[in-house]
């Protein structure tokens, strides 16, 4: 699978992450198309940008576990959807990311 690098002009702060939501298929295995209103909220996305990490009480910065290009699973209703230019993104805290999908 070839990944294309997507440039985004959003710089997340602290432990926040900017995601491109990856839509799941709109058709069942049997060929039935599912209307948008009946589809599950997508929970898979590609990391486009990460913040520098949050400050700890010790005064050190905790780095994030994800990096741009990672495919992640995130909490269904976590984060905030934003429209920037012609594109839509999701910005969420790293704590809302459930797993990194290893390929």
PDB file of N, CA and C in Angstrom:
ATOM      1  N   UNK A   1       0.849  -1.183   0.000  1.00  0.00           N
ATOM      2  CA  UNK A   1       0.000   0.000   0.000  1.00  0.00           C
ATOM      3  C   UNK A   1       0.887   1.235   0.000  1.00  0.00           C
ATOM      4  N   UNK A   2       0.663   2.121  -0.911  1.00  0.00           N
ATOM      5  CA  UNK A   2       1.444   3.347  -1.013  1.00  0.00           C
ATOM      6  C   UNK A   2       0.703   4.454  -0.276  1.00  0.00           C
ATOM      7  N   UNK A   3       1.395   5.105   0.654  1.00  0.00           N
ATOM      8  CA  UNK A   3       0.785   6.206   1.383  1.00  0.00           C
ATOM      9  C   UNK A   3       1.232   7.515   0.764  1.00  0.00           C
ATOM     10  N   UNK A   4       0.291   8.414   0.597  1.00  0.00           N
ATOM     11  CA  UNK A   4       0.636   9.727   0.090  1.00  0.00           C
ATOM     12  C   UNK A   4       0.718  10.685   1.257  1.00  0.00           C
ATOM     13  N   UNK A   5       1.658  11.550   1.236  1.00  0.00           N
ATOM     14  CA  UNK A   5       1.849  12.537   2.292  1.00  0.00           C
ATOM     15  C   UNK A   5       0.887  13.691   2.069  1.00  0.00           C
ATOM     16  N   UNK A   6       0.093  13.978   3.062  1.00  0.00           N
ATOM     17  CA  UNK A   6      -0.872  15.072   2.971  1.00  0.00           C
ATOM     18  C   UNK A   6      -0.361  16.224   3.810  1.00  0.00           C
ATOM     19  N   UNK A   7      -0.244  17.389   3.217  1.00  0.00           N
ATOM     20  CA  UNK A   7       0.217  18.577   3.921  1.00  0.00           C
ATOM     21  C   UNK A   7      -0.992  19.290   4.479  1.00  0.00           C
ATOM     22  N   UNK A   8      -0.953  19.575   5.776  1.00  0.00           N
ATOM     23  CA  UNK A   8      -2.054  20.280   6.411  1.00  0.00           C
ATOM     24  C   UNK A   8      -1.479  21.498   7.125  1.00  0.00           C
ATOM     25  N   UNK A   9      -2.145  22.634   6.979  1.00  0.00           N
ATOM     26  CA  UNK A   9      -1.665  23.870   7.587  1.00  0.00           C
ATOM     27  C   UNK A   9      -2.275  24.092   8.960  1.00  0.00           C
ATOM     28  N   UNK A  10      -2.442  23.039   9.711  1.00  0.00           N
ATOM     29  CA  UNK A  10      -2.918  23.116  11.080  1.00  0.00           C
ATOM     30  C   UNK A  10      -1.822  22.589  11.984  1.00  0.00           C
ATOM     31  N   UNK A  11      -1.497  23.327  13.017  1.00  0.00           N
ATOM     32  CA  UNK A  11      -0.460  22.906  13.957  1.00  0.00           C
ATOM     33  C   UNK A  11      -1.131  22.661  15.307  1.00  0.00           C
ATOM     34  N   UNK A  12      -1.331  21.384  15.665  1.00  0.00           N
ATOM     35  CA  UNK A  12      -2.001  21.100  16.929  1.00  0.00           C
ATOM     36  C   UNK A  12      -1.125  21.479  18.128  1.00  0.00           C
ATOM     37  N   UNK A  13      -1.784  21.834  19.220  1.00  0.00           N
ATOM     38  CA  UNK A  13      -1.086  22.217  20.446  1.00  0.00           C
ATOM     39  C   UNK A  13      -1.092  21.070  21.447  1.00  0.00           C
ATOM     40  N   UNK A  14      -0.129  21.094  22.356  1.00  0.00           N
ATOM     41  CA  UNK A  14      -0.021  20.142  23.463  1.00  0.00           C
ATOM     42  C   UNK A  14      -0.109  18.698  22.961  1.00  0.00           C
ATOM     43  N   UNK A  15      -1.056  17.911  23.499  1.00  0.00           N
ATOM     44  CA  UNK A  15      -1.150  16.494  23.138  1.00  0.00           C
ATOM     45  C   UNK A  15      -2.242  16.235  22.105  1.00  0.00           C
ATOM     46  N   UNK A  16      -2.538  17.218  21.281  1.00  0.00           N
ATOM     47  CA  UNK A  16      -3.585  17.059  20.275  1.00  0.00           C
ATOM     48  C   UNK A  16      -3.023  16.538  18.957  1.00  0.00           C
ATOM     49  N   UNK A  17      -3.913  15.908  18.199  1.00  0.00           N
ATOM     50  CA  UNK A  17      -3.558  15.263  16.941  1.00  0.00           C
ATOM     51  C   UNK A  17      -4.574  15.680  15.879  1.00  0.00           C
ATOM     52  N   UNK A  18      -4.113  15.954  14.669  1.00  0.00           N
ATOM     53  CA  UNK A  18      -5.004  16.240  13.539  1.00  0.00           C
ATOM     54  C   UNK A  18      -5.098  14.969  12.700  1.00  0.00           C
ATOM     55  N   UNK A  19      -6.350  14.522  12.464  1.00  0.00           N
ATOM     56  CA  UNK A  19      -6.588  13.299  11.700  1.00  0.00           C
ATOM     57  C   UNK A  19      -7.371  13.577  10.432  1.00  0.00           C
ATOM     58  N   UNK A  20      -7.097  12.786   9.421  1.00  0.00           N
ATOM     59  CA  UNK A  20      -7.949  12.700   8.239  1.00  0.00           C
ATOM     60  C   UNK A  20      -8.777  11.442   8.464  1.00  0.00           C
ATOM     61  N   UNK A  21     -10.091  11.591   8.575  1.00  0.00           N
ATOM     62  CA  UNK A  21     -10.960  10.448   8.838  1.00  0.00           C
ATOM     63  C   UNK A  21     -11.029   9.586   7.591  1.00  0.00           C
ATOM     64  N   UNK A  22     -10.840   8.285   7.787  1.00  0.00           N
ATOM     65  CA  UNK A  22     -10.913   7.338   6.682  1.00  0.00           C
ATOM     66  C   UNK A  22     -12.288   6.702   6.713  1.00  0.00           C
ATOM     67  N   UNK A  23     -13.093   7.000   5.705  1.00  0.00           N
ATOM     68  CA  UNK A  23     -14.450   6.470   5.643  1.00  0.00           C
ATOM     69  C   UNK A  23     -14.424   4.981   5.374  1.00  0.00           C
ATOM     70  N   UNK A  24     -15.295   4.291   6.079  1.00  0.00           N
ATOM     71  CA  UNK A  24     -15.469   2.867   5.833  1.00  0.00           C
ATOM     72  C   UNK A  24     -16.310   2.705   4.574  1.00  0.00           C
ATOM     73  N   UNK A  25     -16.347   1.505   4.071  1.00  0.00           N
ATOM     74  CA  UNK A  25     -17.091   1.245   2.847  1.00  0.00           C
ATOM     75  C   UNK A  25     -18.574   1.588   3.003  1.00  0.00           C
ATOM     76  N   UNK A  26     -19.172   2.055   1.948  1.00  0.00           N
ATOM     77  CA  UNK A  26     -20.578   2.442   1.958  1.00  0.00           C
ATOM     78  C   UNK A  26     -21.457   1.311   1.447  1.00  0.00           C
ATOM     79  N   UNK A  27     -20.856   0.133   1.231  1.00  0.00           N
ATOM     80  CA  UNK A  27     -21.584  -0.982   0.656  1.00  0.00           C
ATOM     81  C   UNK A  27     -21.305  -2.226   1.496  1.00  0.00           C
ATOM     82  N   UNK A  28     -22.330  -3.042   1.753  1.00  0.00           N
ATOM     83  CA  UNK A  28     -22.139  -4.275   2.506  1.00  0.00           C
ATOM     84  C   UNK A  28     -21.483  -5.317   1.618  1.00  0.00           C
ATOM     85  N   UNK A  29     -21.054  -6.421   2.225  1.00  0.00           N
ATOM     86  CA  UNK A  29     -20.433  -7.494   1.456  1.00  0.00           C
ATOM     87  C   UNK A  29     -21.402  -8.076   0.436  1.00  0.00           C
ATOM     88  N   UNK A  30     -22.710  -8.005   0.723  1.00  0.00           N
ATOM     89  CA  UNK A  30     -23.723  -8.514  -0.201  1.00  0.00           C
ATOM     90  C   UNK A  30     -24.082  -7.539  -1.307  1.00  0.00           C
ATOM     91  N   UNK A  31     -23.482  -6.348  -1.295  1.00  0.00           N
ATOM     92  CA  UNK A  31     -23.718  -5.383  -2.355  1.00  0.00           C
ATOM     93  C   UNK A  31     -24.758  -4.327  -2.041  1.00  0.00           C
ATOM     94  N   UNK A  32     -25.261  -4.320  -0.812  1.00  0.00           N
ATOM     95  CA  UNK A  32     -26.277  -3.336  -0.438  1.00  0.00           C
ATOM     96  C   UNK A  32     -25.594  -2.050  -0.005  1.00  0.00           C
ATOM     97  N   UNK A  33     -26.037  -0.917  -0.564  1.00  0.00           N
ATOM     98  CA  UNK A  33     -25.484   0.373  -0.178  1.00  0.00           C
ATOM     99  C   UNK A  33     -26.163   0.856   1.098  1.00  0.00           C
ATOM    100  N   UNK A  34     -25.362   1.371   2.015  1.00  0.00           N
ATOM    101  CA  UNK A  34     -25.862   1.854   3.293  1.00  0.00           C
ATOM    102  C   UNK A  34     -25.975   3.368   3.232  1.00  0.00           C
ATOM    103  N   UNK A  35     -27.165   3.928   3.507  1.00  0.00           N
ATOM    104  CA  UNK A  35     -27.299   5.387   3.492  1.00  0.00           C
ATOM    105  C   UNK A  35     -26.476   6.016   4.612  1.00  0.00           C
ATOM    106  N   UNK A  36     -26.034   7.248   4.371  1.00  0.00           N
ATOM    107  CA  UNK A  36     -25.157   7.931   5.326  1.00  0.00           C
ATOM    108  C   UNK A  36     -25.764   8.009   6.724  1.00  0.00           C
ATOM    109  N   UNK A  37     -27.066   8.219   6.817  1.00  0.00           N
ATOM    110  CA  UNK A  37     -27.731   8.348   8.115  1.00  0.00           C
ATOM    111  C   UNK A  37     -27.679   7.050   8.916  1.00  0.00           C
ATOM    112  N   UNK A  38     -27.551   5.913   8.259  1.00  0.00           N
ATOM    113  CA  UNK A  38     -27.552   4.624   8.947  1.00  0.00           C
ATOM    114  C   UNK A  38     -26.158   4.086   9.221  1.00  0.00           C
ATOM    115  N   UNK A  39     -25.141   4.750   8.683  1.00  0.00           N
ATOM    116  CA  UNK A  39     -23.771   4.265   8.860  1.00  0.00           C
ATOM    117  C   UNK A  39     -23.245   4.548  10.251  1.00  0.00           C
ATOM    118  N   UNK A  40     -22.338   3.689  10.690  1.00  0.00           N
ATOM    119  CA  UNK A  40     -21.632   3.906  11.947  1.00  0.00           C
ATOM    120  C   UNK A  40     -20.703   5.103  11.797  1.00  0.00           C
ATOM    121  N   UNK A  41     -20.471   5.820  12.888  1.00  0.00           N
ATOM    122  CA  UNK A  41     -19.496   6.904  12.862  1.00  0.00           C
ATOM    123  C   UNK A  41     -18.124   6.291  12.580  1.00  0.00           C
ATOM    124  N   UNK A  42     -17.335   6.863  11.686  1.00  0.00           N
ATOM    125  CA  UNK A  42     -16.010   6.299  11.413  1.00  0.00           C
ATOM    126  C   UNK A  42     -15.115   6.411  12.635  1.00  0.00           C
ATOM    127  N   UNK A  43     -14.313   5.395  12.852  1.00  0.00           N
ATOM    128  CA  UNK A  43     -13.409   5.408  13.995  1.00  0.00           C
ATOM    129  C   UNK A  43     -11.960   5.157  13.567  1.00  0.00           C
ATOM    130  N   UNK A  44     -11.694   5.306  12.296  1.00  0.00           N
ATOM    131  CA  UNK A  44     -10.362   5.059  11.764  1.00  0.00           C
ATOM    132  C   UNK A  44      -9.876   6.321  11.068  1.00  0.00           C
ATOM    133  N   UNK A  45      -8.619   6.669  11.272  1.00  0.00           N
ATOM    134  CA  UNK A  45      -8.101   7.865  10.629  1.00  0.00           C
ATOM    135  C   UNK A  45      -6.603   7.816  10.428  1.00  0.00           C
ATOM    136  N   UNK A  46      -6.109   8.719   9.575  1.00  0.00           N
ATOM    137  CA  UNK A  46      -4.672   8.851   9.309  1.00  0.00           C
ATOM    138  C   UNK A  46      -4.191  10.106  10.012  1.00  0.00           C
ATOM    139  N   UNK A  47      -3.112   9.971  10.779  1.00  0.00           N
ATOM    140  CA  UNK A  47      -2.536  11.106  11.505  1.00  0.00           C
ATOM    141  C   UNK A  47      -1.831  12.008  10.501  1.00  0.00           C
ATOM    142  N   UNK A  48      -2.217  13.292  10.498  1.00  0.00           N
ATOM    143  CA  UNK A  48      -1.596  14.265   9.600  1.00  0.00           C
ATOM    144  C   UNK A  48      -0.596  15.149  10.328  1.00  0.00           C
ATOM    145  N   UNK A  49      -0.887  15.480  11.592  1.00  0.00           N
ATOM    146  CA  UNK A  49       0.004  16.349  12.369  1.00  0.00           C
ATOM    147  C   UNK A  49      -0.180  16.045  13.847  1.00  0.00           C
ATOM    148  N   UNK A  50       0.886  16.202  14.611  1.00  0.00           N
ATOM    149  CA  UNK A  50       0.832  15.979  16.058  1.00  0.00           C
ATOM    150  C   UNK A  50       1.403  17.189  16.778  1.00  0.00           C
ATOM    151  N   UNK A  51       0.885  17.438  17.974  1.00  0.00           N
ATOM    152  CA  UNK A  51       1.401  18.517  18.801  1.00  0.00           C
ATOM    153  C   UNK A  51       2.722  18.112  19.429  1.00  0.00           C
ATOM    154  N   UNK A  52       3.381  19.037  20.114  1.00  0.00           N
ATOM    155  CA  UNK A  52       4.679  18.749  20.726  1.00  0.00           C
ATOM    156  C   UNK A  52       4.585  17.892  21.980  1.00  0.00           C
ATOM    157  N   UNK A  53       3.392  17.687  22.520  1.00  0.00           N
ATOM    158  CA  UNK A  53       3.224  16.902  23.745  1.00  0.00           C
ATOM    159  C   UNK A  53       2.816  17.803  24.891  1.00  0.00           C
ATOM    160  N   UNK A  54       2.301  17.184  25.950  1.00  0.00           N
ATOM    161  CA  UNK A  54       1.849  17.981  27.089  1.00  0.00           C
ATOM    162  C   UNK A  54       2.963  18.102  28.124  1.00  0.00           C
ATOM    163  N   UNK A  55       2.885  19.170  28.891  1.00  0.00           N
ATOM    164  CA  UNK A  55       3.866  19.408  29.947  1.00  0.00           C
ATOM    165  C   UNK A  55       3.507  18.577  31.170  1.00  0.00           C
ATOM    166  N   UNK A  56       4.507  17.932  31.755  1.00  0.00           N
ATOM    167  CA  UNK A  56       4.314  17.159  32.974  1.00  0.00           C
ATOM    168  C   UNK A  56       4.608  18.039  34.179  1.00  0.00           C
ATOM    169  N   UNK A  57       4.200  17.607  35.353  1.00  0.00           N
ATOM    170  CA  UNK A  57       4.462  18.372  36.573  1.00  0.00           C
ATOM    171  C   UNK A  57       5.956  18.527  36.832  1.00  0.00           C
ATOM    172  N   UNK A  58       6.754  17.600  36.317  1.00  0.00           N
ATOM    173  CA  UNK A  58       8.201  17.659  36.491  1.00  0.00           C
ATOM    174  C   UNK A  58       8.840  18.747  35.634  1.00  0.00           C
ATOM    175  N   UNK A  59       8.055  19.349  34.725  1.00  0.00           N
ATOM    176  CA  UNK A  59       8.589  20.382  33.848  1.00  0.00           C
ATOM    177  C   UNK A  59       9.076  19.842  32.521  1.00  0.00           C
ATOM    178  N   UNK A  60       9.001  18.518  32.331  1.00  0.00           N
ATOM    179  CA  UNK A  60       9.401  17.907  31.062  1.00  0.00           C
ATOM    180  C   UNK A  60       8.176  17.733  30.177  1.00  0.00           C
ATOM    181  N   UNK A  61       8.414  17.637  28.894  1.00  0.00           N
ATOM    182  CA  UNK A  61       7.330  17.460  27.926  1.00  0.00           C
ATOM    183  C   UNK A  61       7.228  15.979  27.567  1.00  0.00           C
ATOM    184  N   UNK A  62       6.011  15.445  27.640  1.00  0.00           N
ATOM    185  CA  UNK A  62       5.767  14.051  27.282  1.00  0.00           C
ATOM    186  C   UNK A  62       5.458  13.978  25.790  1.00  0.00           C
ATOM    187  N   UNK A  63       6.288  13.251  25.045  1.00  0.00           N
ATOM    188  CA  UNK A  63       6.081  13.113  23.603  1.00  0.00           C
ATOM    189  C   UNK A  63       4.897  12.210  23.316  1.00  0.00           C
ATOM    190  N   UNK A  64       4.280  12.408  22.159  1.00  0.00           N
ATOM    191  CA  UNK A  64       3.144  11.593  21.760  1.00  0.00           C
ATOM    192  C   UNK A  64       3.600  10.252  21.209  1.00  0.00           C
ATOM    193  N   UNK A  65       2.721   9.265  21.312  1.00  0.00           N
ATOM    194  CA  UNK A  65       3.027   7.915  20.836  1.00  0.00           C
ATOM    195  C   UNK A  65       2.771   7.745  19.346  1.00  0.00           C
ATOM    196  N   UNK A  66       2.034   8.681  18.746  1.00  0.00           N
ATOM    197  CA  UNK A  66       1.711   8.584  17.324  1.00  0.00           C
ATOM    198  C   UNK A  66       2.528   9.594  16.540  1.00  0.00           C
ATOM    199  N   UNK A  67       2.647   9.337  15.243  1.00  0.00           N
ATOM    200  CA  UNK A  67       3.397  10.246  14.369  1.00  0.00           C
ATOM    201  C   UNK A  67       2.634  10.391  13.058  1.00  0.00           C
ATOM    202  N   UNK A  68       2.907  11.441  12.299  1.00  0.00           N
ATOM    203  CA  UNK A  68       2.224  11.612  11.014  1.00  0.00           C
ATOM    204  C   UNK A  68       2.389  10.382  10.131  1.00  0.00           C
ATOM    205  N   UNK A  69       1.285   9.988   9.495  1.00  0.00           N
ATOM    206  CA  UNK A  69       1.285   8.808   8.635  1.00  0.00           C
ATOM    207  C   UNK A  69       0.693   7.582   9.296  1.00  0.00           C
ATOM    208  N   UNK A  70       0.637   7.549  10.647  1.00  0.00           N
ATOM    209  CA  UNK A  70       0.061   6.404  11.357  1.00  0.00           C
ATOM    210  C   UNK A  70      -1.435   6.312  11.070  1.00  0.00           C
ATOM    211  N   UNK A  71      -1.931   5.091  10.950  1.00  0.00           N
ATOM    212  CA  UNK A  71      -3.367   4.829  10.871  1.00  0.00           C
ATOM    213  C   UNK A  71      -3.793   4.439  12.281  1.00  0.00           C
ATOM    214  N   UNK A  72      -4.811   5.122  12.802  1.00  0.00           N
ATOM    215  CA  UNK A  72      -5.218   4.906  14.190  1.00  0.00           C
ATOM    216  C   UNK A  72      -6.725   4.648  14.298  1.00  0.00           C
ATOM    217  N   UNK A  73      -7.104   4.010  15.389  1.00  0.00           N
ATOM    218  CA  UNK A  73      -8.502   3.861  15.760  1.00  0.00           C
ATOM    219  C   UNK A  73      -8.742   4.832  16.894  1.00  0.00           C
ATOM    220  N   UNK A  74      -9.864   5.543  16.854  1.00  0.00           N
ATOM    221  CA  UNK A  74     -10.123   6.538  17.885  1.00  0.00           C
ATOM    222  C   UNK A  74     -11.532   6.384  18.436  1.00  0.00           C
ATOM    223  N   UNK A  75     -11.765   6.985  19.600  1.00  0.00           N
ATOM    224  CA  UNK A  75     -13.069   6.915  20.244  1.00  0.00           C
ATOM    225  C   UNK A  75     -14.133   7.488  19.314  1.00  0.00           C
ATOM    226  N   UNK A  76     -15.246   6.805  19.216  1.00  0.00           N
ATOM    227  CA  UNK A  76     -16.300   7.139  18.257  1.00  0.00           C
ATOM    228  C   UNK A  76     -16.743   8.597  18.326  1.00  0.00           C
ATOM    229  N   UNK A  77     -16.938   9.127  19.522  1.00  0.00           N
ATOM    230  CA  UNK A  77     -17.421  10.500  19.647  1.00  0.00           C
ATOM    231  C   UNK A  77     -16.356  11.441  20.194  1.00  0.00           C
ATOM    232  N   UNK A  78     -15.089  11.037  20.128  1.00  0.00           N
ATOM    233  CA  UNK A  78     -14.015  11.877  20.629  1.00  0.00           C
ATOM    234  C   UNK A  78     -13.621  12.959  19.645  1.00  0.00           C
ATOM    235  N   UNK A  79     -13.036  14.005  20.164  1.00  0.00           N
ATOM    236  CA  UNK A  79     -12.489  15.056  19.317  1.00  0.00           C
ATOM    237  C   UNK A  79     -13.514  16.015  18.751  1.00  0.00           C
ATOM    238  N   UNK A  80     -13.009  16.897  17.909  1.00  0.00           N
ATOM    239  CA  UNK A  80     -13.816  17.941  17.291  1.00  0.00           C
ATOM    240  C   UNK A  80     -13.601  17.909  15.791  1.00  0.00           C
ATOM    241  N   UNK A  81     -14.696  17.921  15.044  1.00  0.00           N
ATOM    242  CA  UNK A  81     -14.591  17.975  13.589  1.00  0.00           C
ATOM    243  C   UNK A  81     -14.445  19.424  13.165  1.00  0.00           C
ATOM    244  N   UNK A  82     -13.473  19.706  12.307  1.00  0.00           N
ATOM    245  CA  UNK A  82     -13.258  21.063  11.822  1.00  0.00           C
ATOM    246  C   UNK A  82     -13.151  21.052  10.300  1.00  0.00           C
ATOM    247  N   UNK A  83     -13.624  22.120   9.704  1.00  0.00           N
ATOM    248  CA  UNK A  83     -13.478  22.296   8.264  1.00  0.00           C
ATOM    249  C   UNK A  83     -12.441  23.385   8.067  1.00  0.00           C
ATOM    250  N   UNK A  84     -11.405  23.070   7.305  1.00  0.00           N
ATOM    251  CA  UNK A  84     -10.314  24.006   7.064  1.00  0.00           C
ATOM    252  C   UNK A  84     -10.059  23.996   5.570  1.00  0.00           C
ATOM    253  N   UNK A  85     -10.358  25.101   4.924  1.00  0.00           N
ATOM    254  CA  UNK A  85     -10.283  25.126   3.468  1.00  0.00           C
ATOM    255  C   UNK A  85     -11.398  24.253   2.923  1.00  0.00           C
ATOM    256  N   UNK A  86     -11.081  23.409   1.965  1.00  0.00           N
ATOM    257  CA  UNK A  86     -12.083  22.522   1.374  1.00  0.00           C
ATOM    258  C   UNK A  86     -12.134  21.171   2.077  1.00  0.00           C
ATOM    259  N   UNK A  87     -11.270  20.958   3.063  1.00  0.00           N
ATOM    260  CA  UNK A  87     -11.160  19.651   3.705  1.00  0.00           C
ATOM    261  C   UNK A  87     -11.732  19.655   5.116  1.00  0.00           C
ATOM    262  N   UNK A  88     -12.125  18.458   5.570  1.00  0.00           N
ATOM    263  CA  UNK A  88     -12.601  18.283   6.931  1.00  0.00           C
ATOM    264  C   UNK A  88     -11.610  17.415   7.684  1.00  0.00           C
ATOM    265  N   UNK A  89     -11.345  17.795   8.920  1.00  0.00           N
ATOM    266  CA  UNK A  89     -10.405  17.080   9.758  1.00  0.00           C
ATOM    267  C   UNK A  89     -11.037  16.824  11.117  1.00  0.00           C
ATOM    268  N   UNK A  90     -10.403  15.974  11.893  1.00  0.00           N
ATOM    269  CA  UNK A  90     -10.801  15.756  13.267  1.00  0.00           C
ATOM    270  C   UNK A  90      -9.579  16.066  14.116  1.00  0.00           C
ATOM    271  N   UNK A  91      -9.782  16.906  15.141  1.00  0.00           N
ATOM    272  CA  UNK A  91      -8.709  17.220  16.085  1.00  0.00           C
ATOM    273  C   UNK A  91      -9.094  16.610  17.422  1.00  0.00           C
ATOM    274  N   UNK A  92      -8.212  15.803  17.976  1.00  0.00           N
ATOM    275  CA  UNK A  92      -8.506  15.162  19.246  1.00  0.00           C
ATOM    276  C   UNK A  92      -7.266  15.007  20.094  1.00  0.00           C
ATOM    277  N   UNK A  93      -7.469  14.762  21.370  1.00  0.00           N
ATOM    278  CA  UNK A  93      -6.362  14.517  22.287  1.00  0.00           C
ATOM    279  C   UNK A  93      -5.845  13.098  22.076  1.00  0.00           C
ATOM    280  N   UNK A  94      -4.593  12.896  22.377  1.00  0.00           N
ATOM    281  CA  UNK A  94      -4.014  11.567  22.210  1.00  0.00           C
ATOM    282  C   UNK A  94      -4.758  10.540  23.057  1.00  0.00           C
ATOM    283  N   UNK A  95      -5.323  10.951  24.185  1.00  0.00           N
ATOM    284  CA  UNK A  95      -6.035  10.004  25.052  1.00  0.00           C
ATOM    285  C   UNK A  95      -7.274   9.424  24.370  1.00  0.00           C
ATOM    286  N   UNK A  96      -7.794  10.093  23.323  1.00  0.00           N
ATOM    287  CA  UNK A  96      -8.947   9.584  22.578  1.00  0.00           C
ATOM    288  C   UNK A  96      -8.547   8.580  21.505  1.00  0.00           C
ATOM    289  N   UNK A  97      -7.242   8.405  21.294  1.00  0.00           N
ATOM    290  CA  UNK A  97      -6.757   7.408  20.326  1.00  0.00           C
ATOM    291  C   UNK A  97      -6.660   6.073  21.055  1.00  0.00           C
ATOM    292  N   UNK A  98      -7.305   5.060  20.484  1.00  0.00           N
ATOM    293  CA  UNK A  98      -7.369   3.751  21.136  1.00  0.00           C
ATOM    294  C   UNK A  98      -6.224   2.824  20.725  1.00  0.00           C
ATOM    295  N   UNK A  99      -5.796   2.903  19.462  1.00  0.00           N
ATOM    296  CA  UNK A  99      -4.766   1.987  18.985  1.00  0.00           C
ATOM    297  C   UNK A  99      -4.163   2.499  17.685  1.00  0.00           C
ATOM    298  N   UNK A 100      -2.951   2.032  17.407  1.00  0.00           N
ATOM    299  CA  UNK A 100      -2.298   2.265  16.125  1.00  0.00           C
ATOM    300  C   UNK A 100      -2.454   0.991  15.319  1.00  0.00           C
ATOM    301  N   UNK A 101      -2.923   1.105  14.084  1.00  0.00           N
ATOM    302  CA  UNK A 101      -3.099  -0.053  13.214  1.00  0.00           C
ATOM    303  C   UNK A 101      -1.753  -0.341  12.557  1.00  0.00           C
ATOM    304  N   UNK A 102      -1.192  -1.512  12.859  1.00  0.00           N
ATOM    305  CA  UNK A 102       0.094  -1.895  12.251  1.00  0.00           C
ATOM    306  C   UNK A 102      -0.168  -2.603  10.944  1.00  0.00           C
ATOM    307  N   UNK A 103       0.575  -2.212   9.914  1.00  0.00           N
ATOM    308  CA  UNK A 103       0.348  -2.785   8.587  1.00  0.00           C
ATOM    309  C   UNK A 103       1.517  -3.621   8.169  1.00  0.00           C
TER     310      UNK A 103
END
